[in-house]
C-alpha atoms as a PDB file:
ATOM      1  CA  UNK A   1     118.527 111.980 122.088  1.00  0.00           C
ATOM      2  CA  UNK A   2     116.899 111.607 118.684  1.00  0.00           C
ATOM      3  CA  UNK A   3     119.745 113.316 116.853  1.00  0.00           C
ATOM      4  CA  UNK A   4     122.187 110.783 118.307  1.00  0.00           C
ATOM      5  CA  UNK A   5     120.337 107.858 116.730  1.00  0.00           C
ATOM      6  CA  UNK A   6     120.632 106.935 113.076  1.00  0.00           C
ATOM      7  CA  UNK A   7     117.511 106.087 111.099  1.00  0.00           C
ATOM      8  CA  UNK A   8     117.467 103.658 108.206  1.00  0.00           C
ATOM      9  CA  UNK A   9     115.011 103.688 105.321  1.00  0.00           C
ATOM     10  CA  UNK A  10     114.732 100.598 103.141  1.00  0.00           C
ATOM     11  CA  UNK A  11     113.215 101.555  99.810  1.00  0.00           C
ATOM     12  CA  UNK A  12     113.673 104.903  98.062  1.00  0.00           C
ATOM     13  CA  UNK A  13     110.416 105.009  96.175  1.00  0.00           C
ATOM     14  CA  UNK A  14     107.885 107.792  96.611  1.00  0.00           C
ATOM     15  CA  UNK A  15     107.085 106.971 100.240  1.00  0.00           C
ATOM     16  CA  UNK A  16     110.666 106.320 101.305  1.00  0.00           C
ATOM     17  CA  UNK A  17     111.852 109.616  99.835  1.00  0.00           C
ATOM     18  CA  UNK A  18     108.957 111.538 101.427  1.00  0.00           C
ATOM     19  CA  UNK A  19     109.866 110.014 104.789  1.00  0.00           C
ATOM     20  CA  UNK A  20     113.530 110.915 104.330  1.00  0.00           C
ATOM     21  CA  UNK A  21     112.603 114.471 103.368  1.00  0.00           C
ATOM     22  CA  UNK A  22     110.396 114.881 106.451  1.00  0.00           C
ATOM     23  CA  UNK A  23     113.078 113.466 108.739  1.00  0.00           C
ATOM     24  CA  UNK A  24     115.674 115.720 107.123  1.00  0.00           C
ATOM     25  CA  UNK A  25     113.633 118.907 107.245  1.00  0.00           C
ATOM     26  CA  UNK A  26     112.522 118.369 110.846  1.00  0.00           C
ATOM     27  CA  UNK A  27     116.015 117.263 111.931  1.00  0.00           C
ATOM     28  CA  UNK A  28     114.471 114.264 113.664  1.00  0.00           C
ATOM     29  CA  UNK A  29     117.788 112.478 113.490  1.00  0.00           C
ATOM     30  CA  UNK A  30     121.358 113.437 112.710  1.00  0.00           C
ATOM     31  CA  UNK A  31     121.926 110.588 110.271  1.00  0.00           C
ATOM     32  CA  UNK A  32     119.684 109.017 107.630  1.00  0.00           C
ATOM     33  CA  UNK A  33     120.786 105.914 105.739  1.00  0.00           C
ATOM     34  CA  UNK A  34     118.994 105.032 102.509  1.00  0.00           C
ATOM     35  CA  UNK A  35     119.045 101.426 101.306  1.00  0.00           C
ATOM     36  CA  UNK A  36     117.672 100.351  97.942  1.00  0.00           C
ATOM     37  CA  UNK A  37     118.292  97.616  95.409  1.00  0.00           C
ATOM     38  CA  UNK A  38     119.025 100.452  93.007  1.00  0.00           C
ATOM     39  CA  UNK A  39     122.096 101.837  94.760  1.00  0.00           C
ATOM     40  CA  UNK A  40     122.514 104.709  92.325  1.00  0.00           C
ATOM     41  CA  UNK A  41     118.995 105.922  92.973  1.00  0.00           C
ATOM     42  CA  UNK A  42     119.631 105.866  96.730  1.00  0.00           C
ATOM     43  CA  UNK A  43     122.862 107.787  96.159  1.00  0.00           C
ATOM     44  CA  UNK A  44     121.049 110.386  94.064  1.00  0.00           C
ATOM     45  CA  UNK A  45     118.344 110.904  96.688  1.00  0.00           C
ATOM     46  CA  UNK A  46     120.976 111.242  99.415  1.00  0.00           C
ATOM     47  CA  UNK A  47     122.956 113.781  97.395  1.00  0.00           C
ATOM     48  CA  UNK A  48     119.825 115.788  96.643  1.00  0.00           C
ATOM     49  CA  UNK A  49     118.868 116.048 100.319  1.00  0.00           C
ATOM     50  CA  UNK A  50     122.396 116.880 101.446  1.00  0.00           C
ATOM     51  CA  UNK A  51     122.381 119.943  99.196  1.00  0.00           C
ATOM     52  CA  UNK A  52     119.705 121.452 101.459  1.00  0.00           C
ATOM     53  CA  UNK A  53     121.827 121.435 104.591  1.00  0.00           C
ATOM     54  CA  UNK A  54     122.539 125.160 104.462  1.00  0.00           C
ATOM     55  CA  UNK A  55     118.784 125.749 104.774  1.00  0.00           C
ATOM     56  CA  UNK A  56     117.981 123.049 107.324  1.00  0.00           C
ATOM     57  CA  UNK A  57     121.085 122.262 109.329  1.00  0.00           C
ATOM     58  CA  UNK A  58     123.652 119.526 109.615  1.00  0.00           C
ATOM     59  CA  UNK A  59     121.887 116.251 108.870  1.00  0.00           C
ATOM     60  CA  UNK A  60     123.944 113.524 107.252  1.00  0.00           C
ATOM     61  CA  UNK A  61     122.198 111.533 104.511  1.00  0.00           C
ATOM     62  CA  UNK A  62     123.963 108.686 102.754  1.00  0.00           C
ATOM     63  CA  UNK A  63     123.270 105.638 100.657  1.00  0.00           C
ATOM     64  CA  UNK A  64     124.274 102.353 102.215  1.00  0.00           C
ATOM     65  CA  UNK A  65     123.618  98.664 102.513  1.00  0.00           C
ATOM     66  CA  UNK A  66     122.299  96.447 105.300  1.00  0.00           C
ATOM     67  CA  UNK A  67     125.592  96.355 107.282  1.00  0.00           C
ATOM     68  CA  UNK A  68     125.437 100.170 107.484  1.00  0.00           C
ATOM     69  CA  UNK A  69     122.192  99.933 109.469  1.00  0.00           C
ATOM     70  CA  UNK A  70     123.870  98.327 112.479  1.00  0.00           C
ATOM     71  CA  UNK A  71     123.670 101.435 114.675  1.00  0.00           C
ATOM     72  CA  UNK A  72     120.157 102.532 113.683  1.00  0.00           C
ATOM     73  CA  UNK A  73     117.610 102.931 116.455  1.00  0.00           C
ATOM     74  CA  UNK A  74     114.720 102.739 113.994  1.00  0.00           C
ATOM     75  CA  UNK A  75     114.523 101.252 110.506  1.00  0.00           C
ATOM     76  CA  UNK A  76     111.604 102.034 108.200  1.00  0.00           C
ATOM     77  CA  UNK A  77     110.587  99.534 105.550  1.00  0.00           C
ATOM     78  CA  UNK A  78     108.851 101.061 102.547  1.00  0.00           C
ATOM     79  CA  UNK A  79     110.224  98.522 100.040  1.00  0.00           C
ATOM     80  CA  UNK A  80     107.929  96.292  98.043  1.00  0.00           C
ATOM     81  CA  UNK A  81     107.044  95.173  94.561  1.00  0.00           C
ATOM     82  CA  UNK A  82     104.388  96.834  92.435  1.00  0.00           C
ATOM     83  CA  UNK A  83     101.195  95.074  91.419  1.00  0.00           C
ATOM     84  CA  UNK A  84     101.327  93.660  87.901  1.00  0.00           C
ATOM     85  CA  UNK A  85      98.385  93.933  85.478  1.00  0.00           C
ATOM     86  CA  UNK A  86      95.989  91.099  86.235  1.00  0.00           C
ATOM     87  CA  UNK A  87      97.771  90.150  89.446  1.00  0.00           C
ATOM     88  CA  UNK A  88      95.610  89.531  92.500  1.00  0.00           C
ATOM     89  CA  UNK A  89      96.367  91.137  95.861  1.00  0.00           C
ATOM     90  CA  UNK A  90      97.122  87.680  97.251  1.00  0.00           C
ATOM     91  CA  UNK A  91      99.694  87.074  94.526  1.00  0.00           C
ATOM     92  CA  UNK A  92     101.196  90.503  95.228  1.00  0.00           C
ATOM     93  CA  UNK A  93     101.279  89.699  98.940  1.00  0.00           C
ATOM     94  CA  UNK A  94     103.143  86.462  98.254  1.00  0.00           C
ATOM     95  CA  UNK A  95     105.795  88.337  96.282  1.00  0.00           C
ATOM     96  CA  UNK A  96     106.128  91.020  98.950  1.00  0.00           C
ATOM     97  CA  UNK A  97     106.454  88.317 101.598  1.00  0.00           C
ATOM     98  CA  UNK A  98     109.457  86.981  99.695  1.00  0.00           C
ATOM     99  CA  UNK A  99     110.969  90.491  99.709  1.00  0.00           C
ATOM    100  CA  UNK A 100     110.314  90.816 103.453  1.00  0.00           C
ATOM    101  CA  UNK A 101     111.863  87.411 104.164  1.00  0.00           C
ATOM    102  CA  UNK A 102     115.131  88.587 102.625  1.00  0.00           C
ATOM    103  CA  UNK A 103     115.006  91.921 104.470  1.00  0.00           C
ATOM    104  CA  UNK A 104     114.238  90.223 107.801  1.00  0.00           C
ATOM    105  CA  UNK A 105     117.274  87.969 107.502  1.00  0.00           C
ATOM    106  CA  UNK A 106     119.578  90.917 106.826  1.00  0.00           C
ATOM    107  CA  UNK A 107     118.139  93.051 109.633  1.00  0.00           C
ATOM    108  CA  UNK A 108     118.238  90.254 112.203  1.00  0.00           C
ATOM    109  CA  UNK A 109     121.908  89.838 111.403  1.00  0.00           C
ATOM    110  CA  UNK A 110     122.986  93.481 111.179  1.00  0.00           C
ATOM    111  CA  UNK A 111     120.468  95.416 113.316  1.00  0.00           C
ATOM    112  CA  UNK A 112     118.820  92.978 115.746  1.00  0.00           C
ATOM    113  CA  UNK A 113     117.928  95.653 118.320  1.00  0.00           C
ATOM    114  CA  UNK A 114     116.350  98.254 116.024  1.00  0.00           C
ATOM    115  CA  UNK A 115     112.644  99.004 116.050  1.00  0.00           C
ATOM    116  CA  UNK A 116     111.169  98.165 112.649  1.00  0.00           C
ATOM    117  CA  UNK A 117     108.458 100.464 111.275  1.00  0.00           C
ATOM    118  CA  UNK A 118     106.479  98.883 108.442  1.00  0.00           C
ATOM    119  CA  UNK A 119     104.937 101.245 105.883  1.00  0.00           C
ATOM    120  CA  UNK A 120     104.576  98.949 102.850  1.00  0.00           C
ATOM    121  CA  UNK A 121     100.981  98.059 101.976  1.00  0.00           C
ATOM    122  CA  UNK A 122      98.994  96.092 102.881  1.00  0.00           C
ATOM    123  CA  UNK A 123     100.587  97.409 106.065  1.00  0.00           C
ATOM    124  CA  UNK A 124      98.644  95.338 108.607  1.00  0.00           C
ATOM    125  CA  UNK A 125      99.335  92.027 106.890  1.00  0.00           C
ATOM    126  CA  UNK A 126     102.982  92.849 106.231  1.00  0.00           C
ATOM    127  CA  UNK A 127     103.477  93.946 109.838  1.00  0.00           C
ATOM    128  CA  UNK A 128     102.135  90.534 110.860  1.00  0.00           C
ATOM    129  CA  UNK A 129     104.428  88.864 108.322  1.00  0.00           C
ATOM    130  CA  UNK A 130     107.523  90.709 109.566  1.00  0.00           C
ATOM    131  CA  UNK A 131     106.716  89.923 113.192  1.00  0.00           C
ATOM    132  CA  UNK A 132     106.854  86.250 112.266  1.00  0.00           C
ATOM    133  CA  UNK A 133     109.866  86.453 109.955  1.00  0.00           C
ATOM    134  CA  UNK A 134     112.070  88.458 112.334  1.00  0.00           C
ATOM    135  CA  UNK A 135     113.634  87.007 115.466  1.00  0.00           C
ATOM    136  CA  UNK A 136     113.209  90.281 117.402  1.00  0.00           C
ATOM    137  CA  UNK A 137     110.326  90.583 119.908  1.00  0.00           C
ATOM    138  CA  UNK A 138     107.039  91.321 118.098  1.00  0.00           C
ATOM    139  CA  UNK A 139     106.624  94.606 119.991  1.00  0.00           C
ATOM    140  CA  UNK A 140     109.763  95.797 118.176  1.00  0.00           C
ATOM    141  CA  UNK A 141     107.885  95.555 114.845  1.00  0.00           C
ATOM    142  CA  UNK A 142     105.018  98.003 114.343  1.00  0.00           C
ATOM    143  CA  UNK A 143     103.126  99.299 111.340  1.00  0.00           C
ATOM    144  CA  UNK A 144     102.084 102.854 110.562  1.00  0.00           C
ATOM    145  CA  UNK A 145      98.550 101.454 110.635  1.00  0.00           C
ATOM    146  CA  UNK A 146      95.782 104.047 110.768  1.00  0.00           C
ATOM    147  CA  UNK A 147      97.979 106.968 111.783  1.00  0.00           C
ATOM    148  CA  UNK A 148      97.475 108.472 108.320  1.00  0.00           C
ATOM    149  CA  UNK A 149      93.733 107.768 108.357  1.00  0.00           C
ATOM    150  CA  UNK A 150      93.502 109.343 111.814  1.00  0.00           C
ATOM    151  CA  UNK A 151      95.378 112.414 110.603  1.00  0.00           C
ATOM    152  CA  UNK A 152      92.981 112.719 107.652  1.00  0.00           C
ATOM    153  CA  UNK A 153      90.020 112.274 110.028  1.00  0.00           C
ATOM    154  CA  UNK A 154      91.194 115.012 112.385  1.00  0.00           C
ATOM    155  CA  UNK A 155      91.965 117.353 109.485  1.00  0.00           C
ATOM    156  CA  UNK A 156      88.472 116.829 108.049  1.00  0.00           C
ATOM    157  CA  UNK A 157      86.813 117.379 111.435  1.00  0.00           C
ATOM    158  CA  UNK A 158      88.925 120.493 111.987  1.00  0.00           C
ATOM    159  CA  UNK A 159      87.788 121.846 108.633  1.00  0.00           C
ATOM    160  CA  UNK A 160      84.145 121.004 109.372  1.00  0.00           C
ATOM    161  CA  UNK A 161      84.144 122.753 112.744  1.00  0.00           C
ATOM    162  CA  UNK A 162      86.517 125.552 111.726  1.00  0.00           C
ATOM    163  CA  UNK A 163      89.202 124.740 114.292  1.00  0.00           C
ATOM    164  CA  UNK A 164      92.860 123.784 114.259  1.00  0.00           C
ATOM    165  CA  UNK A 165      93.087 120.004 113.653  1.00  0.00           C
ATOM    166  CA  UNK A 166      95.529 119.852 116.555  1.00  0.00           C
ATOM    167  CA  UNK A 167      92.576 120.670 118.809  1.00  0.00           C
ATOM    168  CA  UNK A 168      90.709 117.620 117.491  1.00  0.00           C
ATOM    169  CA  UNK A 169      91.086 114.243 119.184  1.00  0.00           C
ATOM    170  CA  UNK A 170      89.539 111.411 117.208  1.00  0.00           C
ATOM    171  CA  UNK A 171      90.676 108.004 116.005  1.00  0.00           C
ATOM    172  CA  UNK A 172      90.307 105.697 113.048  1.00  0.00           C
ATOM    173  CA  UNK A 173      90.951 102.127 114.192  1.00  0.00           C
ATOM    174  CA  UNK A 174      91.152  98.637 112.751  1.00  0.00           C
ATOM    175  CA  UNK A 175      92.435  98.004 109.238  1.00  0.00           C
ATOM    176  CA  UNK A 176      94.295 100.586 107.215  1.00  0.00           C
ATOM    177  CA  UNK A 177      91.844 100.063 104.393  1.00  0.00           C
ATOM    178  CA  UNK A 178      88.212  99.684 103.442  1.00  0.00           C
ATOM    179  CA  UNK A 179      87.072  98.156 106.758  1.00  0.00           C
ATOM    180  CA  UNK A 180      88.580 100.888 108.964  1.00  0.00           C
ATOM    181  CA  UNK A 181      86.348 102.201 111.747  1.00  0.00           C
ATOM    182  CA  UNK A 182      85.789 105.783 112.948  1.00  0.00           C
ATOM    183  CA  UNK A 183      85.371 105.940 116.726  1.00  0.00           C
ATOM    184  CA  UNK A 184      82.686 108.593 117.065  1.00  0.00           C
ATOM    185  CA  UNK A 185      82.162 108.008 120.792  1.00  0.00           C
ATOM    186  CA  UNK A 186      85.602 109.406 121.646  1.00  0.00           C
ATOM    187  CA  UNK A 187      85.763 112.179 119.010  1.00  0.00           C
ATOM    188  CA  UNK A 188      86.321 115.507 120.710  1.00  0.00           C
ATOM    189  CA  UNK A 189      87.131 119.101 119.875  1.00  0.00           C
ATOM    190  CA  UNK A 190      88.935 120.903 122.675  1.00  0.00           C
ATOM    191  CA  UNK A 191      87.801 118.198 125.068  1.00  0.00           C
ATOM    192  CA  UNK A 192      84.130 118.542 124.102  1.00  0.00           C
ATOM    193  CA  UNK A 193      82.460 115.479 122.600  1.00  0.00           C
ATOM    194  CA  UNK A 194      81.133 116.200 119.122  1.00  0.00           C
ATOM    195  CA  UNK A 195      78.156 113.859 119.568  1.00  0.00           C
ATOM    196  CA  UNK A 196      74.880 115.809 119.800  1.00  0.00           C
ATOM    197  CA  UNK A 197      76.809 119.026 120.522  1.00  0.00           C
ATOM    198  CA  UNK A 198      77.047 122.421 118.878  1.00  0.00           C
ATOM    199  CA  UNK A 199      80.682 123.359 118.392  1.00  0.00           C
ATOM    200  CA  UNK A 200      81.783 126.687 117.003  1.00  0.00           C
ATOM    201  CA  UNK A 201      78.254 127.288 115.740  1.00  0.00           C
ATOM    202  CA  UNK A 202      77.923 123.931 113.936  1.00  0.00           C
ATOM    203  CA  UNK A 203      75.459 121.304 115.109  1.00  0.00           C
ATOM    204  CA  UNK A 204      76.243 117.611 115.093  1.00  0.00           C
ATOM    205  CA  UNK A 205      74.919 116.164 111.850  1.00  0.00           C
ATOM    206  CA  UNK A 206      75.085 112.377 111.587  1.00  0.00           C
ATOM    207  CA  UNK A 207      74.703 112.366 107.796  1.00  0.00           C
ATOM    208  CA  UNK A 208      77.403 115.014 107.380  1.00  0.00           C
ATOM    209  CA  UNK A 209      79.698 112.989 109.639  1.00  0.00           C
ATOM    210  CA  UNK A 210      79.137 109.867 107.560  1.00  0.00           C
ATOM    211  CA  UNK A 211      79.975 111.770 104.370  1.00  0.00           C
ATOM    212  CA  UNK A 212      83.063 113.149 106.084  1.00  0.00           C
ATOM    213  CA  UNK A 213      84.195 109.650 107.041  1.00  0.00           C
ATOM    214  CA  UNK A 214      83.602 108.320 103.532  1.00  0.00           C
ATOM    215  CA  UNK A 215      85.864 111.087 102.250  1.00  0.00           C
ATOM    216  CA  UNK A 216      88.534 109.996 104.734  1.00  0.00           C
ATOM    217  CA  UNK A 217      88.209 106.315 103.847  1.00  0.00           C
ATOM    218  CA  UNK A 218      88.384 106.988 100.106  1.00  0.00           C
ATOM    219  CA  UNK A 219      91.087 109.659 100.304  1.00  0.00           C
ATOM    220  CA  UNK A 220      93.843 107.426  98.970  1.00  0.00           C
ATOM    221  CA  UNK A 221      91.756 106.403  95.964  1.00  0.00           C
ATOM    222  CA  UNK A 222      90.973 110.052  95.227  1.00  0.00           C
ATOM    223  CA  UNK A 223      94.620 111.090  95.465  1.00  0.00           C
ATOM    224  CA  UNK A 224      95.876 108.151  93.398  1.00  0.00           C
ATOM    225  CA  UNK A 225      93.323 108.949  90.696  1.00  0.00           C
ATOM    226  CA  UNK A 226      94.886 112.404  90.426  1.00  0.00           C
ATOM    227  CA  UNK A 227      98.629 111.978  91.007  1.00  0.00           C
ATOM    228  CA  UNK A 228      99.157 108.224  90.814  1.00  0.00           C
ATOM    229  CA  UNK A 229     100.295 107.593  94.385  1.00  0.00           C
ATOM    230  CA  UNK A 230     100.213 108.953  97.931  1.00  0.00           C
ATOM    231  CA  UNK A 231     103.434 109.876  99.683  1.00  0.00           C
ATOM    232  CA  UNK A 232     103.623 113.313 101.308  1.00  0.00           C
ATOM    233  CA  UNK A 233     101.329 112.822 104.305  1.00  0.00           C
ATOM    234  CA  UNK A 234     102.541 109.284 105.012  1.00  0.00           C
ATOM    235  CA  UNK A 235     106.086 110.661 104.942  1.00  0.00           C
ATOM    236  CA  UNK A 236     105.098 113.088 107.707  1.00  0.00           C
ATOM    237  CA  UNK A 237     103.422 110.258 109.613  1.00  0.00           C
ATOM    238  CA  UNK A 238     106.589 108.149 109.457  1.00  0.00           C
ATOM    239  CA  UNK A 239     108.740 111.063 110.620  1.00  0.00           C
ATOM    240  CA  UNK A 240     106.404 111.753 113.546  1.00  0.00           C
ATOM    241  CA  UNK A 241     106.309 108.094 114.578  1.00  0.00           C
ATOM    242  CA  UNK A 242     110.100 107.873 114.487  1.00  0.00           C
ATOM    243  CA  UNK A 243     110.390 111.014 116.608  1.00  0.00           C
ATOM    244  CA  UNK A 244     108.036 109.501 119.189  1.00  0.00           C
ATOM    245  CA  UNK A 245     110.115 106.307 119.329  1.00  0.00           C
ATOM    246  CA  UNK A 246     113.540 107.944 119.484  1.00  0.00           C
ATOM    247  CA  UNK A 247     112.479 110.474 122.104  1.00  0.00           C
ATOM    248  CA  UNK A 248     110.706 107.805 124.170  1.00  0.00           C
ATOM    249  CA  UNK A 249     107.649 110.063 124.277  1.00  0.00           C
ATOM    250  CA  UNK A 250     105.135 107.417 125.345  1.00  0.00           C
ATOM    251  CA  UNK A 251     102.583 109.049 123.057  1.00  0.00           C
ATOM    252  CA  UNK A 252      99.303 107.264 122.316  1.00  0.00           C
ATOM    253  CA  UNK A 253      99.116 106.489 118.586  1.00  0.00           C
ATOM    254  CA  UNK A 254      96.956 104.172 116.445  1.00  0.00           C
ATOM    255  CA  UNK A 255      99.731 101.918 115.162  1.00  0.00           C
ATOM    256  CA  UNK A 256      99.387  98.436 113.738  1.00  0.00           C
ATOM    257  CA  UNK A 257     100.236  95.765 116.325  1.00  0.00           C
ATOM    258  CA  UNK A 258      99.177  92.287 117.359  1.00  0.00           C
ATOM    259  CA  UNK A 259      96.709  92.796 120.242  1.00  0.00           C
ATOM    260  CA  UNK A 260      97.751  89.388 121.617  1.00  0.00           C
ATOM    261  CA  UNK A 261      94.343  88.655 123.074  1.00  0.00           C
ATOM    262  CA  UNK A 262      93.389  92.180 124.114  1.00  0.00           C
ATOM    263  CA  UNK A 263      89.746  92.902 123.205  1.00  0.00           C
ATOM    264  CA  UNK A 264      89.508  89.225 122.278  1.00  0.00           C
ATOM    265  CA  UNK A 265      91.784  89.768 119.265  1.00  0.00           C
ATOM    266  CA  UNK A 266      94.791  87.605 118.504  1.00  0.00           C
ATOM    267  CA  UNK A 267      96.897  86.324 115.615  1.00  0.00           C
ATOM    268  CA  UNK A 268      96.244  89.443 113.563  1.00  0.00           C
ATOM    269  CA  UNK A 269      97.714  92.932 113.241  1.00  0.00           C
ATOM    270  CA  UNK A 270      95.502  96.008 113.226  1.00  0.00           C
ATOM    271  CA  UNK A 271      95.454  99.496 114.687  1.00  0.00           C
ATOM    272  CA  UNK A 272      94.443 100.258 118.231  1.00  0.00           C
ATOM    273  CA  UNK A 273      95.654 103.188 120.374  1.00  0.00           C
ATOM    274  CA  UNK A 274      99.019 102.154 121.813  1.00  0.00           C
ATOM    275  CA  UNK A 275     101.579 103.801 124.072  1.00  0.00           C
ATOM    276  CA  UNK A 276     104.627 104.135 121.823  1.00  0.00           C
ATOM    277  CA  UNK A 277     108.093 104.368 123.322  1.00  0.00           C
ATOM    278  CA  UNK A 278     111.485 102.759 122.869  1.00  0.00           C
END
């Protein structure tokens, strides 16, 4: 089913291109439409990906505009403005809200039934903003939330215990940012709780776990200090999330949503484990 649904990506910056590359390489969809204010850049990225078809398979990638997104099942929003020197995060948020207001109007007109996946930071706030700007039901607007943080967490735990990260089940919840929370009580390796257990010859060490979490929480800062931005892993996250949606997998993922009163939380977007489907 996934290959019958087109996927749109709004914004062909580092994250948007990484998402397109992951979707293309994994053949998550048969058609990827790139939309950017800089049409020539979108065209160049589409051309570049299309030249890899003989190695990957038939996946159509093209540059388009909002009307071309009308048949997309999922549309990813990675667009946003960069922070100016001396500009506060609140000022940046106000400018990105203006960008999202324009995008919401176009998408409500041309693709009112598509699921919107928000990846622009601050992702939790902008997911909340888009839920209020768009006329579609709020459950049709979700953010990537702490999926990336959770992936980093599982990778770090897998490395610590010397196991495949796919055998690790653990979550980071809350904000995608400095106040994110590791849920130690549900962290498991192969179904075995890590708390006060010896796993693969390694004892539970609370101080080591706290250092591990700090490394996860600060990972983006560490990467940005070295290469200037993060994009590859979040591109994989976006591709995986889209696959889950298009294939109606009903997988449990920590995506950014409005809990709508669940756990006593309302009028805010943050990450909790959710069943994700169409």
